[in-house]
PDB file of all heavy atoms in Angstrom:
ATOM      1  N   ALA A   1      -4.442   1.774  14.294  1.00  0.00           N
ATOM      2  CA  ALA A   1      -3.385   2.872  14.077  1.00  0.00           C
ATOM      3  C   ALA A   1      -4.100   4.254  13.923  1.00  0.00           C
ATOM      4  O   ALA A   1      -5.292   4.280  13.623  1.00  0.00           O
ATOM      5  CB  ALA A   1      -2.549   2.632  12.754  1.00  0.00           C
ATOM      6  N   GLY A   2      -3.402   5.207  14.166  1.00  0.00           N
ATOM      7  CA  GLY A   2      -3.850   6.538  14.051  1.00  0.00           C
ATOM      8  C   GLY A   2      -3.520   7.162  12.671  1.00  0.00           C
ATOM      9  O   GLY A   2      -2.698   6.570  11.858  1.00  0.00           O
ATOM     10  N   SER A   3      -4.283   8.265  12.220  1.00  0.00           N
ATOM     11  CA  SER A   3      -5.189   8.993  13.062  1.00  0.00           C
ATOM     12  C   SER A   3      -6.548   8.450  13.009  1.00  0.00           C
ATOM     13  O   SER A   3      -6.916   7.706  12.096  1.00  0.00           O
ATOM     14  CB  SER A   3      -5.158  10.436  12.698  1.00  0.00           C
ATOM     15  OG  SER A   3      -5.751  10.639  11.338  1.00  0.00           O
ATOM     16  N   GLY A   4      -7.304   8.882  13.931  1.00  0.00           N
ATOM     17  CA  GLY A   4      -8.760   8.367  14.071  1.00  0.00           C
ATOM     18  C   GLY A   4      -9.610   8.777  12.902  1.00  0.00           C
ATOM     19  O   GLY A   4     -10.594   7.985  12.568  1.00  0.00           O
ATOM     20  N   MET A   5      -9.323   9.799  12.102  1.00  0.00           N
ATOM     21  CA  MET A   5     -10.215  10.271  11.103  1.00  0.00           C
ATOM     22  C   MET A   5      -9.535   9.994   9.755  1.00  0.00           C
ATOM     23  O   MET A   5      -9.816  10.578   8.613  1.00  0.00           O
ATOM     24  CB  MET A   5     -10.698  11.704  11.199  1.00  0.00           C
ATOM     25  CG  MET A   5     -11.613  11.829  12.274  1.00  0.00           C
ATOM     26  SD  MET A   5     -12.298  13.611  12.239  1.00  0.00           S
ATOM     27  CE  MET A   5     -13.099  13.656  13.908  1.00  0.00           C
ATOM     28  N   CYS A   6      -8.383   9.206   9.729  1.00  0.00           N
ATOM     29  CA  CYS A   6      -7.543   8.924   8.631  1.00  0.00           C
ATOM     30  C   CYS A   6      -7.004  10.145   7.903  1.00  0.00           C
ATOM     31  O   CYS A   6      -6.993  10.256   6.655  1.00  0.00           O
ATOM     32  CB  CYS A   6      -8.308   8.048   7.634  1.00  0.00           C
ATOM     33  SG  CYS A   6      -9.203   6.626   8.388  1.00  0.00           S
ATOM     34  N   THR A   7      -6.614  11.192   8.617  1.00  0.00           N
ATOM     35  CA  THR A   7      -6.082  12.375   8.004  1.00  0.00           C
ATOM     36  C   THR A   7      -4.547  12.455   8.021  1.00  0.00           C
ATOM     37  O   THR A   7      -3.984  13.484   7.725  1.00  0.00           O
ATOM     38  CB  THR A   7      -6.605  13.580   8.793  1.00  0.00           C
ATOM     39  OG1 THR A   7      -6.412  13.434  10.185  1.00  0.00           O
ATOM     40  CG2 THR A   7      -8.237  13.786   8.540  1.00  0.00           C
ATOM     41  N   GLY A   8      -3.859  11.312   8.564  1.00  0.00           N
ATOM     42  CA  GLY A   8      -2.467  11.310   8.679  1.00  0.00           C
ATOM     43  C   GLY A   8      -2.192  10.159   9.407  1.00  0.00           C
ATOM     44  O   GLY A   8      -2.869   9.311   9.776  1.00  0.00           O
ATOM     45  N   GLY A   9      -0.783  10.044   9.784  1.00  0.00           N
ATOM     46  CA  GLY A   9      -0.234   8.939  10.586  1.00  0.00           C
ATOM     47  C   GLY A   9      -0.197   7.560   9.859  1.00  0.00           C
ATOM     48  O   GLY A   9      -0.414   7.501   8.575  1.00  0.00           O
ATOM     49  N   ARG A  10       0.017   6.519  10.597  1.00  0.00           N
ATOM     50  CA  ARG A  10       0.361   5.224   9.974  1.00  0.00           C
ATOM     51  C   ARG A  10      -0.825   4.542   9.257  1.00  0.00           C
ATOM     52  O   ARG A  10      -0.652   3.677   8.333  1.00  0.00           O
ATOM     53  CB  ARG A  10       0.988   4.247  10.928  1.00  0.00           C
ATOM     54  CG  ARG A  10       2.413   4.861  11.462  1.00  0.00           C
ATOM     55  CD  ARG A  10       2.967   3.831  12.453  1.00  0.00           C
ATOM     56  NE  ARG A  10       4.320   4.248  12.893  1.00  0.00           N
ATOM     57  CZ  ARG A  10       5.227   3.624  13.575  1.00  0.00           C
ATOM     58  NH1 ARG A  10       4.738   2.521  14.247  1.00  0.00           N
ATOM     59  NH2 ARG A  10       6.402   4.097  13.908  1.00  0.00           N
ATOM     60  N   ILE A  11      -2.035   4.845   9.700  1.00  0.00           N
ATOM     61  CA  ILE A  11      -3.246   4.202   9.039  1.00  0.00           C
ATOM     62  C   ILE A  11      -3.294   4.474   7.533  1.00  0.00           C
ATOM     63  O   ILE A  11      -3.755   3.685   6.804  1.00  0.00           O
ATOM     64  CB  ILE A  11      -4.575   4.640   9.839  1.00  0.00           C
ATOM     65  CG1 ILE A  11      -5.686   3.690   9.458  1.00  0.00           C
ATOM     66  CG2 ILE A  11      -4.774   6.170   9.538  1.00  0.00           C
ATOM     67  CD1 ILE A  11      -5.617   2.258   9.948  1.00  0.00           C
ATOM     68  N   MET A  12      -2.676   5.643   7.222  1.00  0.00           N
ATOM     69  CA  MET A  12      -2.873   6.077   5.784  1.00  0.00           C
ATOM     70  C   MET A  12      -2.094   5.025   4.985  1.00  0.00           C
ATOM     71  O   MET A  12      -2.624   4.672   3.961  1.00  0.00           O
ATOM     72  CB  MET A  12      -2.227   7.394   5.623  1.00  0.00           C
ATOM     73  CG  MET A  12      -2.912   8.520   6.445  1.00  0.00           C
ATOM     74  SD  MET A  12      -4.378   9.083   5.651  1.00  0.00           S
ATOM     75  CE  MET A  12      -3.676   9.945   4.273  1.00  0.00           C
ATOM     76  N   HIS A  13      -0.840   4.596   5.461  1.00  0.00           N
ATOM     77  CA  HIS A  13      -0.085   3.678   4.771  1.00  0.00           C
ATOM     78  C   HIS A  13      -0.826   2.315   4.636  1.00  0.00           C
ATOM     79  O   HIS A  13      -0.801   1.580   3.580  1.00  0.00           O
ATOM     80  CB  HIS A  13       1.326   3.409   5.338  1.00  0.00           C
ATOM     81  CG  HIS A  13       2.157   4.752   5.327  1.00  0.00           C
ATOM     82  ND1 HIS A  13       2.883   5.039   4.244  1.00  0.00           N
ATOM     83  CD2 HIS A  13       2.349   5.648   6.139  1.00  0.00           C
ATOM     84  CE1 HIS A  13       3.569   6.243   4.559  1.00  0.00           C
ATOM     85  NE2 HIS A  13       3.162   6.588   5.776  1.00  0.00           N
ATOM     86  N   HIS A  14      -1.486   1.889   5.657  1.00  0.00           N
ATOM     87  CA  HIS A  14      -2.180   0.624   5.771  1.00  0.00           C
ATOM     88  C   HIS A  14      -3.293   0.678   4.780  1.00  0.00           C
ATOM     89  O   HIS A  14      -3.543  -0.266   3.999  1.00  0.00           O
ATOM     90  CB  HIS A  14      -2.532   0.135   7.232  1.00  0.00           C
ATOM     91  CG  HIS A  14      -1.336   0.077   8.014  1.00  0.00           C
ATOM     92  ND1 HIS A  14      -0.263  -0.731   7.685  1.00  0.00           N
ATOM     93  CD2 HIS A  14      -1.055   0.627   9.151  1.00  0.00           C
ATOM     94  CE1 HIS A  14       0.625  -0.813   8.810  1.00  0.00           C
ATOM     95  NE2 HIS A  14       0.111   0.142   9.675  1.00  0.00           N
ATOM     96  N   LEU A  15      -4.035   1.696   4.755  1.00  0.00           N
ATOM     97  CA  LEU A  15      -5.190   1.919   3.942  1.00  0.00           C
ATOM     98  C   LEU A  15      -4.678   1.854   2.447  1.00  0.00           C
ATOM     99  O   LEU A  15      -5.354   1.228   1.678  1.00  0.00           O
ATOM    100  CB  LEU A  15      -5.905   3.157   4.166  1.00  0.00           C
ATOM    101  CG  LEU A  15      -6.700   3.280   5.440  1.00  0.00           C
ATOM    102  CD1 LEU A  15      -7.207   4.652   5.696  1.00  0.00           C
ATOM    103  CD2 LEU A  15      -7.839   2.326   5.401  1.00  0.00           C
ATOM    104  N   LYS A  16      -3.669   2.581   2.160  1.00  0.00           N
ATOM    105  CA  LYS A  16      -3.145   2.461   0.615  1.00  0.00           C
ATOM    106  C   LYS A  16      -2.760   1.189   0.198  1.00  0.00           C
ATOM    107  O   LYS A  16      -2.944   0.750  -0.857  1.00  0.00           O
ATOM    108  CB  LYS A  16      -1.862   3.411   0.632  1.00  0.00           C
ATOM    109  CG  LYS A  16      -1.279   3.485  -0.732  1.00  0.00           C
ATOM    110  CD  LYS A  16      -0.133   4.395  -0.834  1.00  0.00           C
ATOM    111  CE  LYS A  16       0.522   4.492  -2.274  1.00  0.00           C
ATOM    112  NZ  LYS A  16       1.728   5.341  -2.310  1.00  0.00           N
ATOM    113  N   HIS A  17      -2.203   0.288   1.112  1.00  0.00           N
ATOM    114  CA  HIS A  17      -1.762  -1.138   0.776  1.00  0.00           C
ATOM    115  C   HIS A  17      -2.943  -2.099   0.831  1.00  0.00           C
ATOM    116  O   HIS A  17      -2.783  -3.141   0.298  1.00  0.00           O
ATOM    117  CB  HIS A  17      -0.622  -1.604   1.579  1.00  0.00           C
ATOM    118  CG  HIS A  17       0.664  -0.959   1.303  1.00  0.00           C
ATOM    119  ND1 HIS A  17       1.036   0.250   1.867  1.00  0.00           N
ATOM    120  CD2 HIS A  17       1.715  -1.437   0.526  1.00  0.00           C
ATOM    121  CE1 HIS A  17       2.276   0.514   1.303  1.00  0.00           C
ATOM    122  NE2 HIS A  17       2.690  -0.452   0.585  1.00  0.00           N
ATOM    123  N   LYS A  18      -4.035  -1.761   1.565  1.00  0.00           N
ATOM    124  CA  LYS A  18      -5.143  -2.874   1.782  1.00  0.00           C
ATOM    125  C   LYS A  18      -6.421  -2.480   1.449  1.00  0.00           C
ATOM    126  O   LYS A  18      -7.248  -3.337   1.334  1.00  0.00           O
ATOM    127  CB  LYS A  18      -4.948  -3.244   3.253  1.00  0.00           C
ATOM    128  CG  LYS A  18      -3.616  -3.700   3.708  1.00  0.00           C
ATOM    129  CD  LYS A  18      -3.716  -4.385   5.073  1.00  0.00           C
ATOM    130  CE  LYS A  18      -2.304  -4.685   5.604  1.00  0.00           C
ATOM    131  NZ  LYS A  18      -1.554  -5.710   4.669  1.00  0.00           N
ATOM    132  N   LEU A  19      -6.785  -1.271   1.107  1.00  0.00           N
ATOM    133  CA  LEU A  19      -8.109  -0.837   0.635  1.00  0.00           C
ATOM    134  C   LEU A  19      -8.526  -1.526  -0.486  1.00  0.00           C
ATOM    135  O   LEU A  19      -9.754  -1.684  -0.796  1.00  0.00           O
ATOM    136  CB  LEU A  19      -8.203   0.649   0.510  1.00  0.00           C
ATOM    137  CG  LEU A  19      -8.681   1.534   1.671  1.00  0.00           C
ATOM    138  CD1 LEU A  19      -8.758   3.010   1.163  1.00  0.00           C
ATOM    139  CD2 LEU A  19     -10.080   1.038   2.231  1.00  0.00           C
ATOM    140  N   TRP A  20      -7.659  -1.786  -1.477  1.00  0.00           N
ATOM    141  CA  TRP A  20      -8.013  -2.331  -2.821  1.00  0.00           C
ATOM    142  C   TRP A  20      -8.467  -3.690  -2.830  1.00  0.00           C
ATOM    143  O   TRP A  20      -8.999  -4.266  -3.715  1.00  0.00           O
ATOM    144  CB  TRP A  20      -6.860  -2.205  -3.799  1.00  0.00           C
ATOM    145  CG  TRP A  20      -5.595  -2.877  -3.226  1.00  0.00           C
ATOM    146  CD1 TRP A  20      -4.647  -2.262  -2.474  1.00  0.00           C
ATOM    147  CD2 TRP A  20      -5.180  -4.277  -3.531  1.00  0.00           C
ATOM    148  NE1 TRP A  20      -3.672  -3.218  -2.195  1.00  0.00           N
ATOM    149  CE2 TRP A  20      -3.909  -4.556  -2.769  1.00  0.00           C
ATOM    150  CE3 TRP A  20      -5.901  -5.286  -4.135  1.00  0.00           C
ATOM    151  CZ2 TRP A  20      -3.453  -5.686  -2.755  1.00  0.00           C
ATOM    152  CZ3 TRP A  20      -5.261  -6.616  -4.188  1.00  0.00           C
ATOM    153  CH2 TRP A  20      -4.079  -6.875  -3.478  1.00  0.00           C
ATOM    154  N   SER A  21      -8.288  -4.460  -1.707  1.00  0.00           N
ATOM    155  CA  SER A  21      -8.580  -5.875  -1.717  1.00  0.00           C
ATOM    156  C   SER A  21      -9.886  -6.189  -0.935  1.00  0.00           C
ATOM    157  O   SER A  21     -10.098  -5.648   0.197  1.00  0.00           O
ATOM    158  CB  SER A  21      -7.515  -6.695  -0.938  1.00  0.00           C
ATOM    159  OG  SER A  21      -7.771  -7.993  -0.703  1.00  0.00           O
ATOM    160  N   LYS A  22     -10.751  -6.979  -1.508  1.00  0.00           N
ATOM    161  CA  LYS A  22     -11.977  -7.303  -1.135  1.00  0.00           C
ATOM    162  C   LYS A  22     -12.008  -8.173   0.289  1.00  0.00           C
ATOM    163  O   LYS A  22     -12.944  -8.146   0.977  1.00  0.00           O
ATOM    164  CB  LYS A  22     -12.921  -8.179  -2.156  1.00  0.00           C
ATOM    165  CG  LYS A  22     -13.281  -7.270  -3.350  1.00  0.00           C
ATOM    166  CD  LYS A  22     -14.118  -8.134  -4.287  1.00  0.00           C
ATOM    167  CE  LYS A  22     -14.445  -7.254  -5.528  1.00  0.00           C
ATOM    168  NZ  LYS A  22     -15.184  -8.130  -6.495  1.00  0.00           N
ATOM    169  N   LYS A  23     -10.880  -8.747   0.466  1.00  0.00           N
ATOM    170  CA  LYS A  23     -10.875  -9.626   1.641  1.00  0.00           C
ATOM    171  C   LYS A  23     -10.470  -8.829   2.881  1.00  0.00           C
ATOM    172  O   LYS A  23     -10.517  -9.470   4.056  1.00  0.00           O
ATOM    173  CB  LYS A  23      -9.783 -10.731   1.410  1.00  0.00           C
ATOM    174  CG  LYS A  23      -8.311 -10.340   1.381  1.00  0.00           C
ATOM    175  CD  LYS A  23      -7.392 -11.501   1.262  1.00  0.00           C
ATOM    176  CE  LYS A  23      -6.002 -11.135   1.396  1.00  0.00           C
ATOM    177  NZ  LYS A  23      -5.083 -12.217   1.271  1.00  0.00           N
ATOM    178  N   ASN A  24     -10.186  -7.612   2.819  1.00  0.00           N
ATOM    179  CA  ASN A  24      -9.735  -6.764   3.850  1.00  0.00           C
ATOM    180  C   ASN A  24     -10.955  -5.980   4.530  1.00  0.00           C
ATOM    181  O   ASN A  24     -11.941  -5.839   3.755  1.00  0.00           O
ATOM    182  CB  ASN A  24      -8.567  -5.795   3.664  1.00  0.00           C
ATOM    183  CG  ASN A  24      -7.328  -6.587   3.403  1.00  0.00           C
ATOM    184  OD1 ASN A  24      -7.025  -7.645   4.019  1.00  0.00           O
ATOM    185  ND2 ASN A  24      -6.561  -6.097   2.441  1.00  0.00           N
ATOM    186  N   HIS A  25     -10.889  -5.503   5.666  1.00  0.00           N
ATOM    187  CA  HIS A  25     -11.945  -4.955   6.357  1.00  0.00           C
ATOM    188  C   HIS A  25     -11.476  -3.680   6.949  1.00  0.00           C
ATOM    189  O   HIS A  25     -10.389  -3.723   7.573  1.00  0.00           O
ATOM    190  CB  HIS A  25     -12.657  -5.783   7.391  1.00  0.00           C
ATOM    191  CG  HIS A  25     -13.166  -7.019   6.875  1.00  0.00           C
ATOM    192  ND1 HIS A  25     -14.546  -7.344   6.605  1.00  0.00           N
ATOM    193  CD2 HIS A  25     -12.525  -8.258   6.520  1.00  0.00           C
ATOM    194  CE1 HIS A  25     -14.587  -8.592   6.103  1.00  0.00           C
ATOM    195  NE2 HIS A  25     -13.541  -9.154   6.148  1.00  0.00           N
ATOM    196  N   VAL A  26     -12.314  -2.604   7.024  1.00  0.00           N
ATOM    197  CA  VAL A  26     -11.922  -1.378   7.719  1.00  0.00           C
ATOM    198  C   VAL A  26     -13.172  -1.129   8.695  1.00  0.00           C
ATOM    199  O   VAL A  26     -14.340  -1.032   8.296  1.00  0.00           O
ATOM    200  CB  VAL A  26     -11.873  -0.175   6.837  1.00  0.00           C
ATOM    201  CG1 VAL A  26     -11.540   1.038   7.593  1.00  0.00           C
ATOM    202  CG2 VAL A  26     -10.649  -0.413   5.796  1.00  0.00           C
ATOM    203  N   VAL A  27     -12.866  -1.020  10.036  1.00  0.00           N
ATOM    204  CA  VAL A  27     -13.936  -0.854  10.975  1.00  0.00           C
ATOM    205  C   VAL A  27     -13.722   0.527  11.574  1.00  0.00           C
ATOM    206  O   VAL A  27     -12.723   0.942  12.161  1.00  0.00           O
ATOM    207  CB  VAL A  27     -13.718  -1.950  12.100  1.00  0.00           C
ATOM    208  CG1 VAL A  27     -14.871  -1.653  13.122  1.00  0.00           C
ATOM    209  CG2 VAL A  27     -13.859  -3.324  11.610  1.00  0.00           C
ATOM    210  N   ILE A  28     -14.737   1.374  11.331  1.00  0.00           N
ATOM    211  CA  ILE A  28     -14.815   2.793  11.760  1.00  0.00           C
ATOM    212  C   ILE A  28     -15.357   2.876  13.066  1.00  0.00           C
ATOM    213  O   ILE A  28     -16.579   2.573  13.255  1.00  0.00           O
ATOM    214  CB  ILE A  28     -15.554   3.762  10.793  1.00  0.00           C
ATOM    215  CG1 ILE A  28     -14.863   3.492   9.329  1.00  0.00           C
ATOM    216  CG2 ILE A  28     -15.446   5.084  11.259  1.00  0.00           C
ATOM    217  CD1 ILE A  28     -13.567   4.236   9.255  1.00  0.00           C
ATOM    218  N   VAL A  29     -14.724   3.291  14.238  1.00  0.00           N
ATOM    219  CA  VAL A  29     -15.284   3.288  15.457  1.00  0.00           C
ATOM    220  C   VAL A  29     -15.240   4.669  16.198  1.00  0.00           C
ATOM    221  O   VAL A  29     -15.273   4.882  17.412  1.00  0.00           O
ATOM    222  CB  VAL A  29     -14.341   2.385  16.417  1.00  0.00           C
ATOM    223  CG1 VAL A  29     -14.530   0.845  15.920  1.00  0.00           C
ATOM    224  CG2 VAL A  29     -12.927   2.826  16.351  1.00  0.00           C
ATOM    225  N   GLY A  30     -15.387   5.688  15.316  1.00  0.00           N
ATOM    226  CA  GLY A  30     -15.471   7.015  15.781  1.00  0.00           C
ATOM    227  C   GLY A  30     -16.014   7.999  14.831  1.00  0.00           C
ATOM    228  O   GLY A  30     -16.121   7.715  13.563  1.00  0.00           O
ATOM    229  N   TYR A  31     -16.364   9.094  15.204  1.00  0.00           N
ATOM    230  CA  TYR A  31     -17.040  10.157  14.333  1.00  0.00           C
ATOM    231  C   TYR A  31     -16.037  10.571  13.304  1.00  0.00           C
ATOM    232  O   TYR A  31     -14.897  10.763  13.641  1.00  0.00           O
ATOM    233  CB  TYR A  31     -17.387  11.372  15.257  1.00  0.00           C
ATOM    234  CG  TYR A  31     -17.939  12.513  14.385  1.00  0.00           C
ATOM    235  CD1 TYR A  31     -19.232  12.487  13.784  1.00  0.00           C
ATOM    236  CD2 TYR A  31     -17.119  13.690  14.186  1.00  0.00           C
ATOM    237  CE1 TYR A  31     -19.706  13.586  13.001  1.00  0.00           C
ATOM    238  CE2 TYR A  31     -17.594  14.674  13.396  1.00  0.00           C
ATOM    239  CZ  TYR A  31     -18.768  14.649  12.774  1.00  0.00           C
ATOM    240  OH  TYR A  31     -19.137  15.694  12.007  1.00  0.00           O
ATOM    241  N   GLN A  32     -16.470  10.789  12.122  1.00  0.00           N
ATOM    242  CA  GLN A  32     -15.558  11.113  10.996  1.00  0.00           C
ATOM    243  C   GLN A  32     -16.142  12.455  10.298  1.00  0.00           C
ATOM    244  O   GLN A  32     -17.279  12.513   9.877  1.00  0.00           O
ATOM    245  CB  GLN A  32     -15.721   9.998   9.814  1.00  0.00           C
ATOM    246  CG  GLN A  32     -15.193   8.790  10.387  1.00  0.00           C
ATOM    247  CD  GLN A  32     -13.846   8.632  10.735  1.00  0.00           C
ATOM    248  OE1 GLN A  32     -12.898   9.091  10.121  1.00  0.00           O
ATOM    249  NE2 GLN A  32     -13.596   7.951  11.963  1.00  0.00           N
ATOM    250  N   ALA A  33     -15.329  13.485  10.543  1.00  0.00           N
ATOM    251  CA  ALA A  33     -15.759  14.845  10.163  1.00  0.00           C
ATOM    252  C   ALA A  33     -15.765  14.877   8.592  1.00  0.00           C
ATOM    253  O   ALA A  33     -15.024  14.192   7.775  1.00  0.00           O
ATOM    254  CB  ALA A  33     -14.786  15.917  10.733  1.00  0.00           C
ATOM    255  N   ILE A  34     -16.682  15.782   8.108  1.00  0.00           N
ATOM    256  CA  ILE A  34     -16.741  16.123   6.659  1.00  0.00           C
ATOM    257  C   ILE A  34     -15.342  16.614   6.212  1.00  0.00           C
ATOM    258  O   ILE A  34     -14.683  17.417   6.799  1.00  0.00           O
ATOM    259  CB  ILE A  34     -17.865  17.230   6.309  1.00  0.00           C
ATOM    260  CG1 ILE A  34     -19.211  16.489   6.471  1.00  0.00           C
ATOM    261  CG2 ILE A  34     -17.691  17.736   4.898  1.00  0.00           C
ATOM    262  CD1 ILE A  34     -20.394  17.505   6.319  1.00  0.00           C
ATOM    263  N   GLY A  35     -14.944  16.089   4.925  1.00  0.00           N
ATOM    264  CA  GLY A  35     -13.718  16.463   4.510  1.00  0.00           C
ATOM    265  C   GLY A  35     -12.510  15.649   4.823  1.00  0.00           C
ATOM    266  O   GLY A  35     -11.307  15.730   4.292  1.00  0.00           O
ATOM    267  N   THR A  36     -12.738  14.542   5.681  1.00  0.00           N
ATOM    268  CA  THR A  36     -11.643  13.713   6.030  1.00  0.00           C
ATOM    269  C   THR A  36     -11.798  12.368   5.227  1.00  0.00           C
ATOM    270  O   THR A  36     -12.799  12.009   4.671  1.00  0.00           O
ATOM    271  CB  THR A  36     -11.716  13.230   7.462  1.00  0.00           C
ATOM    272  OG1 THR A  36     -12.951  12.578   7.727  1.00  0.00           O
ATOM    273  CG2 THR A  36     -11.740  14.580   8.343  1.00  0.00           C
ATOM    274  N   LEU A  37     -10.563  11.704   5.158  1.00  0.00           N
ATOM    275  CA  LEU A  37     -10.660  10.455   4.383  1.00  0.00           C
ATOM    276  C   LEU A  37     -11.541   9.309   5.030  1.00  0.00           C
ATOM    277  O   LEU A  37     -12.312   8.736   4.383  1.00  0.00           O
ATOM    278  CB  LEU A  37      -9.298   9.834   4.281  1.00  0.00           C
ATOM    279  CG  LEU A  37      -9.034   8.484   3.696  1.00  0.00           C
ATOM    280  CD1 LEU A  37      -9.491   8.425   2.386  1.00  0.00           C
ATOM    281  CD2 LEU A  37      -7.487   8.007   3.796  1.00  0.00           C
ATOM    282  N   GLY A  38     -11.618   9.432   6.345  1.00  0.00           N
ATOM    283  CA  GLY A  38     -12.450   8.560   7.073  1.00  0.00           C
ATOM    284  C   GLY A  38     -13.917   8.773   6.725  1.00  0.00           C
ATOM    285  O   GLY A  38     -14.691   7.792   6.551  1.00  0.00           O
ATOM    286  N   ARG A  39     -14.330  10.088   6.491  1.00  0.00           N
ATOM    287  CA  ARG A  39     -15.776  10.320   6.096  1.00  0.00           C
ATOM    288  C   ARG A  39     -16.041   9.841   4.751  1.00  0.00           C
ATOM    289  O   ARG A  39     -17.106   9.257   4.466  1.00  0.00           O
ATOM    290  CB  ARG A  39     -16.002  11.800   6.220  1.00  0.00           C
ATOM    291  CG  ARG A  39     -17.407  12.265   5.841  1.00  0.00           C
ATOM    292  CD  ARG A  39     -18.317  11.581   6.781  1.00  0.00           C
ATOM    293  NE  ARG A  39     -19.735  12.116   6.647  1.00  0.00           N
ATOM    294  CZ  ARG A  39     -20.268  13.003   7.353  1.00  0.00           C
ATOM    295  NH1 ARG A  39     -19.581  13.610   8.348  1.00  0.00           N
ATOM    296  NH2 ARG A  39     -21.570  13.634   7.004  1.00  0.00           N
TER     297      ARG A  39
END
């Protein structure tokens, strides 16, 4: 899901619901600028 740097879009909702669990994984496949959630 977008956005690629986690600055908006549907990925934000999935991160909110799944970041807290150790069994989940986040795979970063692009450059993440300073100041972004992805960074």
